[in-house]
Protein backbone atom coordinates (compact mmCIF):
# COMPACT_ATOMS: atom_id res chain seq x y z
CA MET A 1 129.79 102.58 88.77
CA PRO A 2 127.69 102.46 92.74
CA GLN A 3 126.42 106.05 93.24
CA ARG A 4 125.91 108.13 96.45
CA VAL A 5 122.45 110.22 95.95
CA TYR A 6 121.62 113.27 98.19
CA LEU A 7 118.07 114.63 97.44
CA ASP A 8 117.79 118.24 98.67
CA ASP A 9 116.62 121.65 97.20
CA LEU A 10 118.63 123.77 99.79
CA ARG A 11 121.53 122.10 101.27
CA ARG A 12 124.86 120.87 98.88
CA ALA A 13 125.84 116.93 98.91
CA PRO A 14 128.79 115.99 100.82
CA HIS A 15 131.67 115.73 98.46
CA GLY A 16 130.81 112.36 95.74
CA TRP A 17 127.50 112.34 96.54
CA ILE A 18 125.98 113.05 93.58
CA GLN A 19 122.95 116.08 94.34
CA THR A 20 119.49 115.97 93.28
CA GLN A 21 116.92 118.34 93.60
CA THR A 22 113.40 116.94 93.33
CA ALA A 23 111.96 112.80 93.50
CA GLU A 24 112.07 112.60 90.09
CA GLU A 25 115.26 113.48 89.11
CA THR A 26 116.31 110.43 92.55
CA ILE A 27 114.33 108.21 90.75
CA ALA A 28 115.32 108.48 87.44
CA LEU A 29 119.02 107.71 89.48
CA LEU A 30 117.56 104.30 91.40
CA LYS A 31 115.42 103.58 88.46
CA LYS A 32 119.37 102.32 86.83
CA GLY A 33 119.61 99.87 90.01
CA ASP A 34 123.45 101.35 91.12
CA VAL A 35 122.49 103.97 93.80
CA VAL A 36 124.47 102.26 97.07
CA GLU A 37 123.93 104.97 99.38
CA LEU A 38 120.93 107.29 99.49
CA SER A 39 120.34 110.19 101.34
CA LEU A 40 116.47 112.08 101.82
CA ASP A 41 115.26 115.60 102.79
CA TYR A 42 111.36 115.57 103.28
CA ASN A 43 110.97 118.88 102.40
CA LEU A 44 111.75 120.31 98.68
CA GLY A 45 110.79 124.03 98.35
CA PRO A 46 107.80 125.66 97.50
CA THR A 47 107.46 125.35 93.57
CA THR A 48 106.92 121.39 94.39
CA THR A 49 104.18 119.90 96.05
CA GLN A 50 106.19 116.30 95.57
CA THR A 51 108.47 115.00 98.42
CA GLY A 52 111.34 113.53 100.04
CA ALA A 53 108.86 110.45 100.86
CA ALA A 54 107.77 109.99 98.06
CA VAL A 55 111.37 108.26 96.77
CA LEU A 56 110.50 106.23 100.31
CA GLU A 57 106.75 105.21 98.44
CA TRP A 58 108.51 104.89 95.47
CA ILE A 59 110.84 102.62 96.39
CA ASP A 60 108.57 100.75 98.92
CA ARG A 61 106.35 99.84 95.34
CA GLN A 62 109.43 98.75 93.61
CA ILE A 63 109.98 95.85 96.02
CA VAL A 64 106.24 94.81 95.32
CA GLU A 65 106.34 95.45 91.23
CA ASN A 66 110.18 94.79 90.59
CA PRO A 67 111.87 92.31 93.21
CA GLU A 68 114.68 91.89 90.62
CA TRP A 69 115.97 96.03 91.73
CA GLN A 70 118.11 96.33 93.68
CA LEU A 71 117.81 98.91 96.28
CA PRO A 72 120.38 100.85 98.32
CA LYS A 73 122.01 99.44 100.85
CA VAL A 74 121.67 102.47 103.30
CA ILE A 75 119.31 104.71 103.01
CA GLN A 76 119.23 108.07 106.07
CA ILE A 77 116.71 110.63 106.62
CA HIS A 78 118.76 114.04 106.79
CA SER A 79 115.60 116.43 107.62
CA SER A 80 115.08 119.25 109.72
CA HIS A 81 110.97 119.15 108.70
CA HIS A 82 109.69 117.38 112.19
CA ARG A 83 106.34 115.00 111.52
CA GLY A 84 108.04 114.53 107.85
CA ARG A 85 110.90 113.15 109.39
CA ILE A 86 108.89 110.89 111.91
CA TYR A 87 106.67 109.79 108.59
CA MET A 88 109.88 109.43 106.19
CA ALA A 89 110.81 107.59 109.00
CA GLU A 90 108.21 104.93 109.44
CA LEU A 91 107.99 104.45 105.34
CA LEU A 92 111.97 103.53 105.26
CA GLU A 93 111.01 100.74 108.55
CA GLY A 94 107.95 99.17 106.83
CA ILE A 95 109.77 98.65 103.80
CA ARG A 96 112.81 97.37 105.93
CA GLU A 97 110.32 95.00 107.51
CA ARG A 98 108.65 94.01 104.11
CA LEU A 99 112.30 92.70 103.09
CA LYS A 100 112.43 90.74 105.97
CA ALA A 101 110.12 89.39 105.82
CA ALA A 102 110.36 88.14 102.30
CA GLY A 103 114.35 86.50 103.07
CA ARG A 104 115.96 89.81 101.29
CA GLU A 105 118.25 92.00 102.62
CA ALA A 106 117.16 95.21 104.32
CA PRO A 107 118.65 98.67 103.53
CA ARG A 108 120.58 99.92 106.54
CA ALA A 109 118.47 103.02 108.02
CA MET A 110 120.08 105.88 109.26
CA TRP A 111 118.02 108.93 110.70
């Protein structure tokens, strides 16, 4: 069943979305290949060194290591962390360019 995943440790997920609070939780859902929409925060609190960018870095690796894996159709960044938002936007644009160069459909990006 298609899922919409919202990664954020503070804000609540919109109605109809699955809430995750860590990069690891989010990646576990992505591995199943049925996430159609993904929304990412950058800063995930003081108890973790991982950020929402770790999810995009994992996605980027999957493009090369697991080309059969199904990417979300939409990836959005909802973070208010200025530098983190810029970094994630750059990662997401790199993912989109790599997919287009390989002749694959790139997710729609929103930020």
